[in-house]
Amino acid sequence: MSWWEQATCLAENAANDLFYPKSYSSSEGLAQIDEALGYCSRCPVRDRCLAEELAKEGTISEKYRYGVRGGKTPAERAALSKSLLTPAA
């Protein structure tokens, strides 16, 4: 069984579009993000999902970096990726 087959979103048949809000700032979009993050918070493979997304972060065009993945929004993943790549002072 692949790691992603153990994901809560798949096991609980979450609507795929739930993880792709049309807005990251409207009240509707923020509610959708909160709901998606609820799935992520219960997910046994959240860390693996996030690791996969962070590995892709520098290899794909910024316009394709969207959606809630690994319990993080695109902005959160970008900030995390940047902090991981920036050497400590």
PDB file of N, CA and C in Angstrom:
ATOM      1  N   MET A   1       0.847  -1.179   0.000  1.00  0.00           N
ATOM      2  CA  MET A   1       0.000   0.000   0.000  1.00  0.00           C
ATOM      3  C   MET A   1       0.892   1.242   0.000  1.00  0.00           C
ATOM      4  N   SER A   2       0.616   2.168  -0.884  1.00  0.00           N
ATOM      5  CA  SER A   2       1.371   3.418  -0.953  1.00  0.00           C
ATOM      6  C   SER A   2       1.005   4.319   0.220  1.00  0.00           C
ATOM      7  N   TRP A   3       1.912   5.202   0.579  1.00  0.00           N
ATOM      8  CA  TRP A   3       1.665   6.097   1.715  1.00  0.00           C
ATOM      9  C   TRP A   3       0.398   6.914   1.505  1.00  0.00           C
ATOM     10  N   TRP A   4       0.189   7.408   0.297  1.00  0.00           N
ATOM     11  CA  TRP A   4      -0.963   8.286   0.048  1.00  0.00           C
ATOM     12  C   TRP A   4      -2.292   7.557   0.146  1.00  0.00           C
ATOM     13  N   GLU A   5      -2.264   6.219   0.034  1.00  0.00           N
ATOM     14  CA  GLU A   5      -3.499   5.458   0.189  1.00  0.00           C
ATOM     15  C   GLU A   5      -3.965   5.417   1.643  1.00  0.00           C
ATOM     16  N   GLN A   6      -3.108   5.849   2.547  1.00  0.00           N
ATOM     17  CA  GLN A   6      -3.440   5.902   3.967  1.00  0.00           C
ATOM     18  C   GLN A   6      -3.908   7.294   4.398  1.00  0.00           C
ATOM     19  N   ALA A   7      -3.969   8.217   3.453  1.00  0.00           N
ATOM     20  CA  ALA A   7      -4.337   9.598   3.766  1.00  0.00           C
ATOM     21  C   ALA A   7      -5.798   9.706   4.200  1.00  0.00           C
ATOM     22  N   THR A   8      -6.039  10.526   5.187  1.00  0.00           N
ATOM     23  CA  THR A   8      -7.387  10.738   5.707  1.00  0.00           C
ATOM     24  C   THR A   8      -8.316  11.268   4.624  1.00  0.00           C
ATOM     25  N   CYS A   9      -7.821  12.184   3.801  1.00  0.00           N
ATOM     26  CA  CYS A   9      -8.679  12.762   2.752  1.00  0.00           C
ATOM     27  C   CYS A   9      -9.163  11.689   1.786  1.00  0.00           C
ATOM     28  N   LEU A  10      -8.321  10.717   1.496  1.00  0.00           N
ATOM     29  CA  LEU A  10      -8.716   9.635   0.602  1.00  0.00           C
ATOM     30  C   LEU A  10      -9.626   8.642   1.333  1.00  0.00           C
ATOM     31  N   ALA A  11      -9.256   8.275   2.529  1.00  0.00           N
ATOM     32  CA  ALA A  11     -10.026   7.298   3.296  1.00  0.00           C
ATOM     33  C   ALA A  11     -11.435   7.790   3.602  1.00  0.00           C
ATOM     34  N   GLU A  12     -11.568   9.094   3.811  1.00  0.00           N
ATOM     35  CA  GLU A  12     -12.879   9.659   4.160  1.00  0.00           C
ATOM     36  C   GLU A  12     -13.579  10.277   2.950  1.00  0.00           C
ATOM     37  N   ASN A  13     -13.060  10.025   1.772  1.00  0.00           N
ATOM     38  CA  ASN A  13     -13.661  10.510   0.515  1.00  0.00           C
ATOM     39  C   ASN A  13     -13.941  12.010   0.522  1.00  0.00           C
ATOM     40  N   ALA A  14     -12.954  12.772   0.963  1.00  0.00           N
ATOM     41  CA  ALA A  14     -13.091  14.229   0.936  1.00  0.00           C
ATOM     42  C   ALA A  14     -13.181  14.699  -0.511  1.00  0.00           C
ATOM     43  N   ALA A  15     -13.994  15.688  -0.747  1.00  0.00           N
ATOM     44  CA  ALA A  15     -14.101  16.257  -2.092  1.00  0.00           C
ATOM     45  C   ALA A  15     -12.760  16.865  -2.479  1.00  0.00           C
ATOM     46  N   ASN A  16     -12.243  16.493  -3.633  1.00  0.00           N
ATOM     47  CA  ASN A  16     -10.939  16.969  -4.074  1.00  0.00           C
ATOM     48  C   ASN A  16     -10.873  18.493  -4.123  1.00  0.00           C
ATOM     49  N   ASP A  17     -11.944  19.139  -4.565  1.00  0.00           N
ATOM     50  CA  ASP A  17     -11.904  20.595  -4.687  1.00  0.00           C
ATOM     51  C   ASP A  17     -11.869  21.300  -3.333  1.00  0.00           C
ATOM     52  N   LEU A  18     -12.143  20.582  -2.252  1.00  0.00           N
ATOM     53  CA  LEU A  18     -12.040  21.155  -0.922  1.00  0.00           C
ATOM     54  C   LEU A  18     -10.633  21.682  -0.676  1.00  0.00           C
ATOM     55  N   PHE A  19      -9.638  21.014  -1.209  1.00  0.00           N
ATOM     56  CA  PHE A  19      -8.241  21.352  -0.973  1.00  0.00           C
ATOM     57  C   PHE A  19      -7.714  22.413  -1.934  1.00  0.00           C
ATOM     58  N   TYR A  20      -8.585  22.903  -2.804  1.00  0.00           N
ATOM     59  CA  TYR A  20      -8.212  23.924  -3.788  1.00  0.00           C
ATOM     60  C   TYR A  20      -9.194  25.094  -3.724  1.00  0.00           C
ATOM     61  N   PRO A  21      -9.090  25.924  -2.689  1.00  0.00           N
ATOM     62  CA  PRO A  21     -10.029  27.039  -2.564  1.00  0.00           C
ATOM     63  C   PRO A  21      -9.841  28.046  -3.695  1.00  0.00           C
ATOM     64  N   LYS A  22     -10.922  28.675  -4.083  1.00  0.00           N
ATOM     65  CA  LYS A  22     -10.846  29.704  -5.128  1.00  0.00           C
ATOM     66  C   LYS A  22     -10.206  30.972  -4.586  1.00  0.00           C
ATOM     67  N   SER A  23     -10.268  31.139  -3.276  1.00  0.00           N
ATOM     68  CA  SER A  23      -9.689  32.316  -2.631  1.00  0.00           C
ATOM     69  C   SER A  23      -9.006  31.880  -1.339  1.00  0.00           C
ATOM     70  N   TYR A  24      -7.885  32.529  -1.059  1.00  0.00           N
ATOM     71  CA  TYR A  24      -7.175  32.270   0.189  1.00  0.00           C
ATOM     72  C   TYR A  24      -7.412  33.397   1.188  1.00  0.00           C
ATOM     73  N   SER A  25      -8.321  34.320   0.859  1.00  0.00           N
ATOM     74  CA  SER A  25      -8.557  35.445   1.754  1.00  0.00           C
ATOM     75  C   SER A  25     -10.033  35.730   2.032  1.00  0.00           C
ATOM     76  N   SER A  26     -10.939  35.254   1.201  1.00  0.00           N
ATOM     77  CA  SER A  26     -12.361  35.498   1.446  1.00  0.00           C
ATOM     78  C   SER A  26     -12.840  34.639   2.611  1.00  0.00           C
ATOM     79  N   SER A  27     -13.963  35.015   3.199  1.00  0.00           N
ATOM     80  CA  SER A  27     -14.488  34.228   4.323  1.00  0.00           C
ATOM     81  C   SER A  27     -14.838  32.810   3.866  1.00  0.00           C
ATOM     82  N   GLU A  28     -15.376  32.680   2.653  1.00  0.00           N
ATOM     83  CA  GLU A  28     -15.696  31.352   2.121  1.00  0.00           C
ATOM     84  C   GLU A  28     -14.420  30.533   1.906  1.00  0.00           C
ATOM     85  N   GLY A  29     -13.412  31.150   1.348  1.00  0.00           N
ATOM     86  CA  GLY A  29     -12.147  30.459   1.116  1.00  0.00           C
ATOM     87  C   GLY A  29     -11.473  30.040   2.414  1.00  0.00           C
ATOM     88  N   LEU A  30     -11.497  30.932   3.400  1.00  0.00           N
ATOM     89  CA  LEU A  30     -10.883  30.615   4.694  1.00  0.00           C
ATOM     90  C   LEU A  30     -11.624  29.477   5.394  1.00  0.00           C
ATOM     91  N   ALA A  31     -12.945  29.444   5.269  1.00  0.00           N
ATOM     92  CA  ALA A  31     -13.723  28.338   5.848  1.00  0.00           C
ATOM     93  C   ALA A  31     -13.367  27.030   5.151  1.00  0.00           C
ATOM     94  N   GLN A  32     -13.198  27.091   3.853  1.00  0.00           N
ATOM     95  CA  GLN A  32     -12.830  25.894   3.088  1.00  0.00           C
ATOM     96  C   GLN A  32     -11.438  25.411   3.499  1.00  0.00           C
ATOM     97  N   ILE A  33     -10.514  26.339   3.674  1.00  0.00           N
ATOM     98  CA  ILE A  33      -9.161  25.975   4.117  1.00  0.00           C
ATOM     99  C   ILE A  33      -9.215  25.328   5.487  1.00  0.00           C
ATOM    100  N   ASP A  34      -9.995  25.905   6.397  1.00  0.00           N
ATOM    101  CA  ASP A  34     -10.132  25.325   7.743  1.00  0.00           C
ATOM    102  C   ASP A  34     -10.665  23.893   7.677  1.00  0.00           C
ATOM    103  N   GLU A  35     -11.634  23.670   6.809  1.00  0.00           N
ATOM    104  CA  GLU A  35     -12.185  22.318   6.669  1.00  0.00           C
ATOM    105  C   GLU A  35     -11.131  21.363   6.126  1.00  0.00           C
ATOM    106  N   ALA A  36     -10.387  21.793   5.124  1.00  0.00           N
ATOM    107  CA  ALA A  36      -9.322  20.959   4.562  1.00  0.00           C
ATOM    108  C   ALA A  36      -8.260  20.659   5.612  1.00  0.00           C
ATOM    109  N   LEU A  37      -7.885  21.680   6.378  1.00  0.00           N
ATOM    110  CA  LEU A  37      -6.876  21.488   7.421  1.00  0.00           C
ATOM    111  C   LEU A  37      -7.362  20.538   8.514  1.00  0.00           C
ATOM    112  N   GLY A  38      -8.680  20.467   8.698  1.00  0.00           N
ATOM    113  CA  GLY A  38      -9.238  19.495   9.642  1.00  0.00           C
ATOM    114  C   GLY A  38      -8.923  18.063   9.229  1.00  0.00           C
ATOM    115  N   TYR A  39      -9.025  17.797   7.938  1.00  0.00           N
ATOM    116  CA  TYR A  39      -8.636  16.471   7.436  1.00  0.00           C
ATOM    117  C   TYR A  39      -7.149  16.251   7.680  1.00  0.00           C
ATOM    118  N   CYS A  40      -6.352  17.245   7.355  1.00  0.00           N
ATOM    119  CA  CYS A  40      -4.903  17.119   7.512  1.00  0.00           C
ATOM    120  C   CYS A  40      -4.503  16.890   8.967  1.00  0.00           C
ATOM    121  N   SER A  41      -5.201  17.544   9.884  1.00  0.00           N
ATOM    122  CA  SER A  41      -4.837  17.422  11.302  1.00  0.00           C
ATOM    123  C   SER A  41      -5.025  16.003  11.832  1.00  0.00           C
ATOM    124  N   ARG A  42      -5.890  15.242  11.201  1.00  0.00           N
ATOM    125  CA  ARG A  42      -6.151  13.848  11.626  1.00  0.00           C
ATOM    126  C   ARG A  42      -5.378  12.833  10.795  1.00  0.00           C
ATOM    127  N   CYS A  43      -4.613  13.290   9.847  1.00  0.00           N
ATOM    128  CA  CYS A  43      -4.019  12.394   8.864  1.00  0.00           C
ATOM    129  C   CYS A  43      -2.735  11.721   9.362  1.00  0.00           C
ATOM    130  N   PRO A  44      -2.670  10.403   9.262  1.00  0.00           N
ATOM    131  CA  PRO A  44      -1.483   9.687   9.724  1.00  0.00           C
ATOM    132  C   PRO A  44      -0.276   9.858   8.795  1.00  0.00           C
ATOM    133  N   VAL A  45      -0.477  10.352   7.589  1.00  0.00           N
ATOM    134  CA  VAL A  45       0.639  10.524   6.649  1.00  0.00           C
ATOM    135  C   VAL A  45       0.860  12.002   6.294  1.00  0.00           C
ATOM    136  N   ARG A  46       0.384  12.899   7.138  1.00  0.00           N
ATOM    137  CA  ARG A  46       0.523  14.336   6.886  1.00  0.00           C
ATOM    138  C   ARG A  46       1.983  14.734   6.694  1.00  0.00           C
ATOM    139  N   ASP A  47       2.875  14.230   7.521  1.00  0.00           N
ATOM    140  CA  ASP A  47       4.286  14.597   7.405  1.00  0.00           C
ATOM    141  C   ASP A  47       4.877  14.133   6.075  1.00  0.00           C
ATOM    142  N   ARG A  48       4.506  12.961   5.639  1.00  0.00           N
ATOM    143  CA  ARG A  48       4.991  12.447   4.347  1.00  0.00           C
ATOM    144  C   ARG A  48       4.436  13.288   3.197  1.00  0.00           C
ATOM    145  N   CYS A  49       3.177  13.655   3.287  1.00  0.00           N
ATOM    146  CA  CYS A  49       2.543  14.502   2.281  1.00  0.00           C
ATOM    147  C   CYS A  49       3.272  15.844   2.200  1.00  0.00           C
ATOM    148  N   LEU A  50       3.538  16.440   3.341  1.00  0.00           N
ATOM    149  CA  LEU A  50       4.230  17.717   3.371  1.00  0.00           C
ATOM    150  C   LEU A  50       5.643  17.578   2.807  1.00  0.00           C
ATOM    151  N   ALA A  51       6.340  16.523   3.179  1.00  0.00           N
ATOM    152  CA  ALA A  51       7.700  16.301   2.665  1.00  0.00           C
ATOM    153  C   ALA A  51       7.701  16.188   1.142  1.00  0.00           C
ATOM    154  N   GLU A  52       6.719  15.481   0.593  1.00  0.00           N
ATOM    155  CA  GLU A  52       6.611  15.337  -0.867  1.00  0.00           C
ATOM    156  C   GLU A  52       6.400  16.706  -1.516  1.00  0.00           C
ATOM    157  N   GLU A  53       5.540  17.516  -0.931  1.00  0.00           N
ATOM    158  CA  GLU A  53       5.263  18.838  -1.492  1.00  0.00           C
ATOM    159  C   GLU A  53       6.461  19.761  -1.370  1.00  0.00           C
ATOM    160  N   LEU A  54       7.159  19.714  -0.245  1.00  0.00           N
ATOM    161  CA  LEU A  54       8.340  20.555  -0.084  1.00  0.00           C
ATOM    162  C   LEU A  54       9.444  20.147  -1.057  1.00  0.00           C
ATOM    163  N   ALA A  55       9.533  18.873  -1.362  1.00  0.00           N
ATOM    164  CA  ALA A  55      10.528  18.401  -2.326  1.00  0.00           C
ATOM    165  C   ALA A  55      10.234  18.966  -3.715  1.00  0.00           C
ATOM    166  N   LYS A  56       8.960  19.180  -4.024  1.00  0.00           N
ATOM    167  CA  LYS A  56       8.564  19.723  -5.330  1.00  0.00           C
ATOM    168  C   LYS A  56       8.661  21.244  -5.375  1.00  0.00           C
ATOM    169  N   GLU A  57       8.700  21.881  -4.222  1.00  0.00           N
ATOM    170  CA  GLU A  57       8.563  23.337  -4.122  1.00  0.00           C
ATOM    171  C   GLU A  57       9.483  24.101  -5.077  1.00  0.00           C
ATOM    172  N   GLY A  58      10.723  23.721  -5.161  1.00  0.00           N
ATOM    173  CA  GLY A  58      11.646  24.447  -6.026  1.00  0.00           C
ATOM    174  C   GLY A  58      11.702  23.937  -7.448  1.00  0.00           C
ATOM    175  N   THR A  59      10.936  22.911  -7.756  1.00  0.00           N
ATOM    176  CA  THR A  59      11.038  22.292  -9.076  1.00  0.00           C
ATOM    177  C   THR A  59       9.846  22.557  -9.981  1.00  0.00           C
ATOM    178  N   ILE A  60       8.815  23.189  -9.441  1.00  0.00           N
ATOM    179  CA  ILE A  60       7.635  23.460 -10.260  1.00  0.00           C
ATOM    180  C   ILE A  60       7.370  24.960 -10.306  1.00  0.00           C
ATOM    181  N   SER A  61       6.725  25.382 -11.329  1.00  0.00           N
ATOM    182  CA  SER A  61       6.395  26.792 -11.498  1.00  0.00           C
ATOM    183  C   SER A  61       5.515  27.265 -10.345  1.00  0.00           C
ATOM    184  N   GLU A  62       5.737  28.488  -9.926  1.00  0.00           N
ATOM    185  CA  GLU A  62       4.971  29.051  -8.804  1.00  0.00           C
ATOM    186  C   GLU A  62       3.469  29.036  -9.067  1.00  0.00           C
ATOM    187  N   LYS A  63       3.061  29.186 -10.321  1.00  0.00           N
ATOM    188  CA  LYS A  63       1.632  29.206 -10.598  1.00  0.00           C
ATOM    189  C   LYS A  63       0.966  27.852 -10.351  1.00  0.00           C
ATOM    190  N   TYR A  64       1.754  26.786 -10.220  1.00  0.00           N
ATOM    191  CA  TYR A  64       1.193  25.468  -9.937  1.00  0.00           C
ATOM    192  C   TYR A  64       1.243  25.115  -8.461  1.00  0.00           C
ATOM    193  N   ARG A  65       1.753  25.995  -7.642  1.00  0.00           N
ATOM    194  CA  ARG A  65       1.845  25.744  -6.202  1.00  0.00           C
ATOM    195  C   ARG A  65       0.584  26.240  -5.516  1.00  0.00           C
ATOM    196  N   TYR A  66      -0.433  25.458  -5.559  1.00  0.00           N
ATOM    197  CA  TYR A  66      -1.686  25.853  -4.925  1.00  0.00           C
ATOM    198  C   TYR A  66      -2.285  24.649  -4.226  1.00  0.00           C
ATOM    199  N   GLY A  67      -3.250  24.908  -3.412  1.00  0.00           N
ATOM    200  CA  GLY A  67      -3.924  23.838  -2.695  1.00  0.00           C
ATOM    201  C   GLY A  67      -3.331  23.571  -1.328  1.00  0.00           C
ATOM    202  N   VAL A  68      -4.175  23.056  -0.470  1.00  0.00           N
ATOM    203  CA  VAL A  68      -3.760  22.652   0.870  1.00  0.00           C
ATOM    204  C   VAL A  68      -3.148  21.266   0.755  1.00  0.00           C
ATOM    205  N   ARG A  69      -1.922  21.146   1.235  1.00  0.00           N
ATOM    206  CA  ARG A  69      -1.219  19.858   1.188  1.00  0.00           C
ATOM    207  C   ARG A  69      -0.354  19.716   2.440  1.00  0.00           C
ATOM    208  N   GLY A  70      -0.363  18.549   3.012  1.00  0.00           N
ATOM    209  CA  GLY A  70       0.463  18.311   4.192  1.00  0.00           C
ATOM    210  C   GLY A  70       0.137  19.219   5.360  1.00  0.00           C
ATOM    211  N   GLY A  71      -1.090  19.706   5.399  1.00  0.00           N
ATOM    212  CA  GLY A  71      -1.508  20.572   6.495  1.00  0.00           C
ATOM    213  C   GLY A  71      -1.026  22.005   6.348  1.00  0.00           C
ATOM    214  N   LYS A  72      -0.625  22.392   5.145  1.00  0.00           N
ATOM    215  CA  LYS A  72      -0.116  23.744   4.907  1.00  0.00           C
ATOM    216  C   LYS A  72      -0.740  24.347   3.652  1.00  0.00           C
ATOM    217  N   THR A  73      -0.905  25.658   3.681  1.00  0.00           N
ATOM    218  CA  THR A  73      -1.350  26.398   2.503  1.00  0.00           C
ATOM    219  C   THR A  73      -0.128  26.653   1.623  1.00  0.00           C
ATOM    220  N   PRO A  74      -0.330  27.117   0.394  1.00  0.00           N
ATOM    221  CA  PRO A  74       0.823  27.416  -0.465  1.00  0.00           C
ATOM    222  C   PRO A  74       1.787  28.424   0.168  1.00  0.00           C
ATOM    223  N   ALA A  75       1.257  29.469   0.800  1.00  0.00           N
ATOM    224  CA  ALA A  75       2.117  30.475   1.430  1.00  0.00           C
ATOM    225  C   ALA A  75       2.921  29.868   2.581  1.00  0.00           C
ATOM    226  N   GLU A  76       2.277  29.004   3.352  1.00  0.00           N
ATOM    227  CA  GLU A  76       2.974  28.357   4.471  1.00  0.00           C
ATOM    228  C   GLU A  76       4.065  27.418   3.961  1.00  0.00           C
ATOM    229  N   ARG A  77       3.774  26.698   2.886  1.00  0.00           N
ATOM    230  CA  ARG A  77       4.789  25.797   2.321  1.00  0.00           C
ATOM    231  C   ARG A  77       5.965  26.586   1.749  1.00  0.00           C
ATOM    232  N   ALA A  78       5.673  27.687   1.078  1.00  0.00           N
ATOM    233  CA  ALA A  78       6.738  28.511   0.510  1.00  0.00           C
ATOM    234  C   ALA A  78       7.639  29.067   1.613  1.00  0.00           C
ATOM    235  N   ALA A  79       7.028  29.556   2.693  1.00  0.00           N
ATOM    236  CA  ALA A  79       7.804  30.097   3.809  1.00  0.00           C
ATOM    237  C   ALA A  79       8.635  29.003   4.464  1.00  0.00           C
ATOM    238  N   LEU A  80       8.052  27.847   4.654  1.00  0.00           N
ATOM    239  CA  LEU A  80       8.773  26.725   5.255  1.00  0.00           C
ATOM    240  C   LEU A  80       9.919  26.287   4.361  1.00  0.00           C
ATOM    241  N   SER A  81       9.661  26.187   3.087  1.00  0.00           N
ATOM    242  CA  SER A  81      10.703  25.800   2.126  1.00  0.00           C
ATOM    243  C   SER A  81      11.846  26.807   2.146  1.00  0.00           C
ATOM    244  N   LYS A  82      11.501  28.079   2.162  1.00  0.00           N
ATOM    245  CA  LYS A  82      12.514  29.133   2.177  1.00  0.00           C
ATOM    246  C   LYS A  82      13.348  29.049   3.450  1.00  0.00           C
ATOM    247  N   SER A  83      12.683  28.823   4.591  1.00  0.00           N
ATOM    248  CA  SER A  83      13.428  28.748   5.861  1.00  0.00           C
ATOM    249  C   SER A  83      14.329  27.526   5.905  1.00  0.00           C
ATOM    250  N   LEU A  84      13.926  26.456   5.247  1.00  0.00           N
ATOM    251  CA  LEU A  84      14.751  25.245   5.211  1.00  0.00           C
ATOM    252  C   LEU A  84      15.982  25.444   4.318  1.00  0.00           C
ATOM    253  N   LEU A  85      15.847  26.296   3.305  1.00  0.00           N
ATOM    254  CA  LEU A  85      16.933  26.525   2.368  1.00  0.00           C
ATOM    255  C   LEU A  85      17.880  27.648   2.814  1.00  0.00           C
ATOM    256  N   THR A  86      17.425  28.494   3.734  1.00  0.00           N
ATOM    257  CA  THR A  86      18.236  29.608   4.201  1.00  0.00           C
ATOM    258  C   THR A  86      19.139  29.144   5.331  1.00  0.00           C
ATOM    259  N   PRO A  87      20.462  29.307   5.169  1.00  0.00           N
ATOM    260  CA  PRO A  87      21.373  28.874   6.231  1.00  0.00           C
ATOM    261  C   PRO A  87      21.178  29.712   7.499  1.00  0.00           C
ATOM    262  N   ALA A  88      21.310  29.074   8.624  1.00  0.00           N
ATOM    263  CA  ALA A  88      21.181  29.762   9.911  1.00  0.00           C
ATOM    264  C   ALA A  88      22.341  30.735  10.072  1.00  0.00           C
ATOM    265  N   ALA A  89      22.070  31.872  10.677  1.00  0.00           N
ATOM    266  CA  ALA A  89      23.108  32.893  10.861  1.00  0.00           C
ATOM    267  C   ALA A  89      24.024  32.547  12.012  1.00  0.00           C
TER     268      ALA A  89
END
